[in-house]
Amino acid sequence: MNEEDDAEVSLWIDEKELQHEKRETLNNAVAKLTEGRYSPIASTLNTSWNDVSMTQQKYYQRKMKEVIQKALSVVVPGQEEQM
């Protein structure tokens, strides 16, 4: 492996770690908003939406809906559906 390959691997690992840290922060915030009644987001989608299975698409859609609903419940409590 040459220096250029090492740099690419390092950047990829750093990006993965950053994604993990951000996902963990998001999961902690939503868990706090839901008083622990929340199953954390398990992964970050790093491929094209069209390249993942329908099951994976439904998972990400469900998790994003949960996160957005919880955020709306703080900003516009009781009016989430109107948003």
N, C-alpha and C. Protein backbone atom coordinates (compact mmCIF):
# COMPACT_ATOMS: atom_id res chain seq x y z
N MET A 1 0.85 -1.17 0.00
CA MET A 1 0.00 0.00 0.00
C MET A 1 0.90 1.24 0.00
N ASN A 2 0.60 2.20 -0.86
CA ASN A 2 1.41 3.41 -0.89
C ASN A 2 0.78 4.50 -0.03
N GLU A 3 1.43 5.65 0.06
CA GLU A 3 0.95 6.74 0.91
C GLU A 3 -0.43 7.23 0.48
N GLU A 4 -0.66 7.26 -0.82
CA GLU A 4 -1.96 7.72 -1.33
C GLU A 4 -3.07 6.77 -0.89
N ASP A 5 -2.83 5.47 -0.98
CA ASP A 5 -3.81 4.49 -0.53
C ASP A 5 -4.06 4.62 0.97
N ASP A 6 -2.99 4.82 1.74
CA ASP A 6 -3.13 5.01 3.19
C ASP A 6 -4.00 6.22 3.51
N ALA A 7 -3.80 7.30 2.76
CA ALA A 7 -4.57 8.53 2.97
C ALA A 7 -6.05 8.29 2.67
N GLU A 8 -6.34 7.56 1.59
CA GLU A 8 -7.73 7.27 1.24
C GLU A 8 -8.40 6.42 2.32
N VAL A 9 -7.70 5.42 2.80
CA VAL A 9 -8.24 4.57 3.86
C VAL A 9 -8.49 5.39 5.11
N SER A 10 -7.54 6.25 5.46
CA SER A 10 -7.67 7.08 6.64
C SER A 10 -8.88 8.01 6.52
N LEU A 11 -9.06 8.64 5.36
CA LEU A 11 -10.21 9.52 5.15
C LEU A 11 -11.51 8.75 5.27
N TRP A 12 -11.55 7.53 4.72
CA TRP A 12 -12.76 6.72 4.78
C TRP A 12 -13.08 6.36 6.22
N ILE A 13 -12.06 5.96 6.98
CA ILE A 13 -12.26 5.60 8.39
C ILE A 13 -12.70 6.82 9.18
N ASP A 14 -12.09 7.96 8.94
CA ASP A 14 -12.48 9.19 9.63
C ASP A 14 -13.92 9.55 9.32
N GLU A 15 -14.32 9.43 8.06
CA GLU A 15 -15.70 9.74 7.66
C GLU A 15 -16.68 8.78 8.35
N LYS A 16 -16.34 7.50 8.39
CA LYS A 16 -17.20 6.52 9.06
C LYS A 16 -17.35 6.84 10.54
N GLU A 17 -16.25 7.21 11.17
CA GLU A 17 -16.28 7.56 12.60
C GLU A 17 -17.12 8.80 12.83
N LEU A 18 -16.99 9.79 11.96
CA LEU A 18 -17.79 11.01 12.06
C LEU A 18 -19.27 10.69 11.89
N GLN A 19 -19.61 9.85 10.91
CA GLN A 19 -21.00 9.44 10.72
C GLN A 19 -21.54 8.76 11.98
N HIS A 20 -20.73 7.88 12.55
CA HIS A 20 -21.13 7.17 13.76
C HIS A 20 -21.38 8.15 14.91
N GLU A 21 -20.48 9.11 15.09
CA GLU A 21 -20.64 10.09 16.16
C GLU A 21 -21.89 10.93 15.97
N LYS A 22 -22.15 11.36 14.74
CA LYS A 22 -23.35 12.16 14.47
C LYS A 22 -24.62 11.34 14.69
N ARG A 23 -24.60 10.08 14.24
CA ARG A 23 -25.77 9.22 14.43
C ARG A 23 -26.01 8.98 15.92
N GLU A 24 -24.95 8.79 16.67
CA GLU A 24 -25.07 8.59 18.11
C GLU A 24 -25.66 9.84 18.79
N THR A 25 -25.21 11.01 18.37
CA THR A 25 -25.75 12.27 18.91
C THR A 25 -27.23 12.39 18.61
N LEU A 26 -27.62 12.09 17.37
CA LEU A 26 -29.03 12.13 16.99
C LEU A 26 -29.84 11.12 17.80
N ASN A 27 -29.34 9.90 17.92
CA ASN A 27 -30.04 8.88 18.69
C ASN A 27 -30.21 9.30 20.14
N ASN A 28 -29.18 9.89 20.73
CA ASN A 28 -29.27 10.34 22.13
C ASN A 28 -30.31 11.44 22.29
N ALA A 29 -30.34 12.37 21.35
CA ALA A 29 -31.31 13.46 21.42
C ALA A 29 -32.74 12.94 21.31
N VAL A 30 -32.98 12.06 20.35
CA VAL A 30 -34.34 11.53 20.16
C VAL A 30 -34.73 10.65 21.35
N ALA A 31 -33.79 9.88 21.87
CA ALA A 31 -34.08 9.06 23.05
C ALA A 31 -34.49 9.94 24.23
N LYS A 32 -33.82 11.07 24.38
CA LYS A 32 -34.17 12.00 25.46
C LYS A 32 -35.56 12.59 25.24
N LEU A 33 -35.86 12.97 24.00
CA LEU A 33 -37.18 13.54 23.69
C LEU A 33 -38.31 12.54 23.93
N THR A 34 -38.02 11.26 23.73
CA THR A 34 -39.05 10.23 23.86
C THR A 34 -38.99 9.52 25.21
N GLU A 35 -38.16 10.06 26.11
CA GLU A 35 -37.98 9.48 27.44
C GLU A 35 -37.59 8.00 27.34
N GLY A 36 -36.72 7.71 26.38
CA GLY A 36 -36.19 6.36 26.22
C GLY A 36 -37.05 5.42 25.40
N ARG A 37 -38.20 5.87 24.93
CA ARG A 37 -39.08 5.02 24.12
C ARG A 37 -38.75 5.19 22.64
N TYR A 38 -37.55 4.77 22.30
CA TYR A 38 -37.06 4.97 20.93
C TYR A 38 -35.99 3.93 20.65
N SER A 39 -36.13 3.24 19.54
CA SER A 39 -35.06 2.33 19.14
C SER A 39 -34.12 3.10 18.22
N PRO A 40 -32.84 3.10 18.53
CA PRO A 40 -31.89 3.94 17.79
C PRO A 40 -31.75 3.56 16.32
N ILE A 41 -31.34 4.55 15.55
CA ILE A 41 -31.00 4.32 14.14
C ILE A 41 -29.72 3.48 14.16
N ALA A 42 -29.76 2.35 13.46
CA ALA A 42 -28.65 1.39 13.54
C ALA A 42 -27.53 1.65 12.54
N SER A 43 -27.83 2.35 11.46
CA SER A 43 -26.81 2.53 10.44
C SER A 43 -27.05 3.80 9.64
N THR A 44 -26.03 4.17 8.89
CA THR A 44 -26.10 5.31 7.99
C THR A 44 -26.10 4.78 6.56
N LEU A 45 -26.98 5.29 5.74
CA LEU A 45 -27.07 4.84 4.35
C LEU A 45 -25.93 5.47 3.55
N ASN A 46 -25.03 4.64 3.07
CA ASN A 46 -23.86 5.12 2.32
C ASN A 46 -23.88 4.66 0.87
N THR A 47 -25.01 4.21 0.39
CA THR A 47 -25.16 3.82 -1.00
C THR A 47 -26.33 4.56 -1.59
N SER A 48 -26.49 4.46 -2.87
CA SER A 48 -27.60 5.11 -3.55
C SER A 48 -28.93 4.52 -3.08
N TRP A 49 -29.91 5.38 -2.91
CA TRP A 49 -31.25 4.95 -2.50
C TRP A 49 -31.77 3.83 -3.39
N ASN A 50 -31.53 3.94 -4.69
CA ASN A 50 -32.03 2.95 -5.64
C ASN A 50 -31.29 1.62 -5.57
N ASP A 51 -30.15 1.59 -4.88
CA ASP A 51 -29.36 0.36 -4.79
C ASP A 51 -29.66 -0.46 -3.53
N VAL A 52 -30.56 0.04 -2.68
CA VAL A 52 -30.89 -0.73 -1.47
C VAL A 52 -32.25 -1.39 -1.64
N SER A 53 -32.46 -2.42 -0.87
CA SER A 53 -33.71 -3.18 -0.96
C SER A 53 -34.90 -2.36 -0.48
N MET A 54 -36.07 -2.81 -0.84
CA MET A 54 -37.30 -2.15 -0.40
C MET A 54 -37.40 -2.19 1.13
N THR A 55 -36.95 -3.28 1.72
CA THR A 55 -36.95 -3.40 3.18
C THR A 55 -36.07 -2.33 3.81
N GLN A 56 -34.89 -2.13 3.25
CA GLN A 56 -33.99 -1.09 3.77
C GLN A 56 -34.58 0.30 3.57
N GLN A 57 -35.20 0.53 2.42
CA GLN A 57 -35.83 1.83 2.17
C GLN A 57 -36.92 2.10 3.20
N LYS A 58 -37.74 1.09 3.47
CA LYS A 58 -38.81 1.26 4.46
C LYS A 58 -38.25 1.53 5.85
N TYR A 59 -37.13 0.87 6.19
CA TYR A 59 -36.50 1.09 7.49
C TYR A 59 -36.08 2.56 7.62
N TYR A 60 -35.35 3.06 6.62
CA TYR A 60 -34.88 4.45 6.69
C TYR A 60 -36.04 5.44 6.68
N GLN A 61 -37.07 5.16 5.91
CA GLN A 61 -38.24 6.04 5.89
C GLN A 61 -38.92 6.06 7.26
N ARG A 62 -39.05 4.90 7.87
CA ARG A 62 -39.69 4.81 9.19
C ARG A 62 -38.87 5.56 10.24
N LYS A 63 -37.56 5.34 10.23
CA LYS A 63 -36.71 5.99 11.22
C LYS A 63 -36.73 7.51 11.04
N MET A 64 -36.68 7.99 9.81
CA MET A 64 -36.70 9.43 9.58
C MET A 64 -38.04 10.03 9.99
N LYS A 65 -39.12 9.31 9.74
CA LYS A 65 -40.42 9.81 10.16
C LYS A 65 -40.46 9.94 11.69
N GLU A 66 -39.92 8.94 12.40
CA GLU A 66 -39.87 9.01 13.87
C GLU A 66 -39.09 10.23 14.33
N VAL A 67 -37.92 10.44 13.76
CA VAL A 67 -37.06 11.55 14.16
C VAL A 67 -37.75 12.88 13.91
N ILE A 68 -38.31 13.04 12.73
CA ILE A 68 -38.97 14.30 12.38
C ILE A 68 -40.19 14.53 13.26
N GLN A 69 -40.98 13.49 13.50
CA GLN A 69 -42.16 13.62 14.37
C GLN A 69 -41.76 14.07 15.77
N LYS A 70 -40.69 13.51 16.30
CA LYS A 70 -40.26 13.88 17.65
C LYS A 70 -39.77 15.31 17.69
N ALA A 71 -39.05 15.74 16.66
CA ALA A 71 -38.59 17.14 16.60
C ALA A 71 -39.79 18.08 16.51
N LEU A 72 -40.76 17.73 15.69
CA LEU A 72 -41.96 18.57 15.56
C LEU A 72 -42.74 18.63 16.87
N SER A 73 -42.73 17.55 17.63
CA SER A 73 -43.48 17.54 18.90
C SER A 73 -42.90 18.54 19.89
N VAL A 74 -41.64 18.94 19.68
CA VAL A 74 -41.01 19.94 20.54
C VAL A 74 -41.30 21.34 20.01
N VAL A 75 -41.23 21.50 18.70
CA VAL A 75 -41.37 22.81 18.08
C VAL A 75 -42.83 23.24 17.97
N VAL A 76 -43.70 22.31 17.58
CA VAL A 76 -45.13 22.62 17.40
C VAL A 76 -45.97 21.51 18.07
N PRO A 77 -45.90 21.41 19.39
CA PRO A 77 -46.58 20.31 20.07
C PRO A 77 -48.08 20.24 19.75
N GLY A 78 -48.52 19.04 19.44
CA GLY A 78 -49.93 18.81 19.12
C GLY A 78 -50.31 19.20 17.71
N GLN A 79 -49.40 19.74 16.96
CA GLN A 79 -49.69 20.19 15.60
C GLN A 79 -48.77 19.54 14.57
N GLU A 80 -48.18 18.42 14.95
CA GLU A 80 -47.21 17.74 14.08
C GLU A 80 -47.81 17.39 12.72
N GLU A 81 -49.03 16.92 12.70
CA GLU A 81 -49.66 16.49 11.45
C GLU A 81 -49.88 17.64 10.48
N GLN A 82 -50.13 18.84 10.99
CA GLN A 82 -50.31 19.99 10.11
C GLN A 82 -49.00 20.36 9.42
N MET A 83 -47.89 20.04 10.03
CA MET A 83 -46.60 20.39 9.46
C MET A 83 -46.26 19.40 8.36
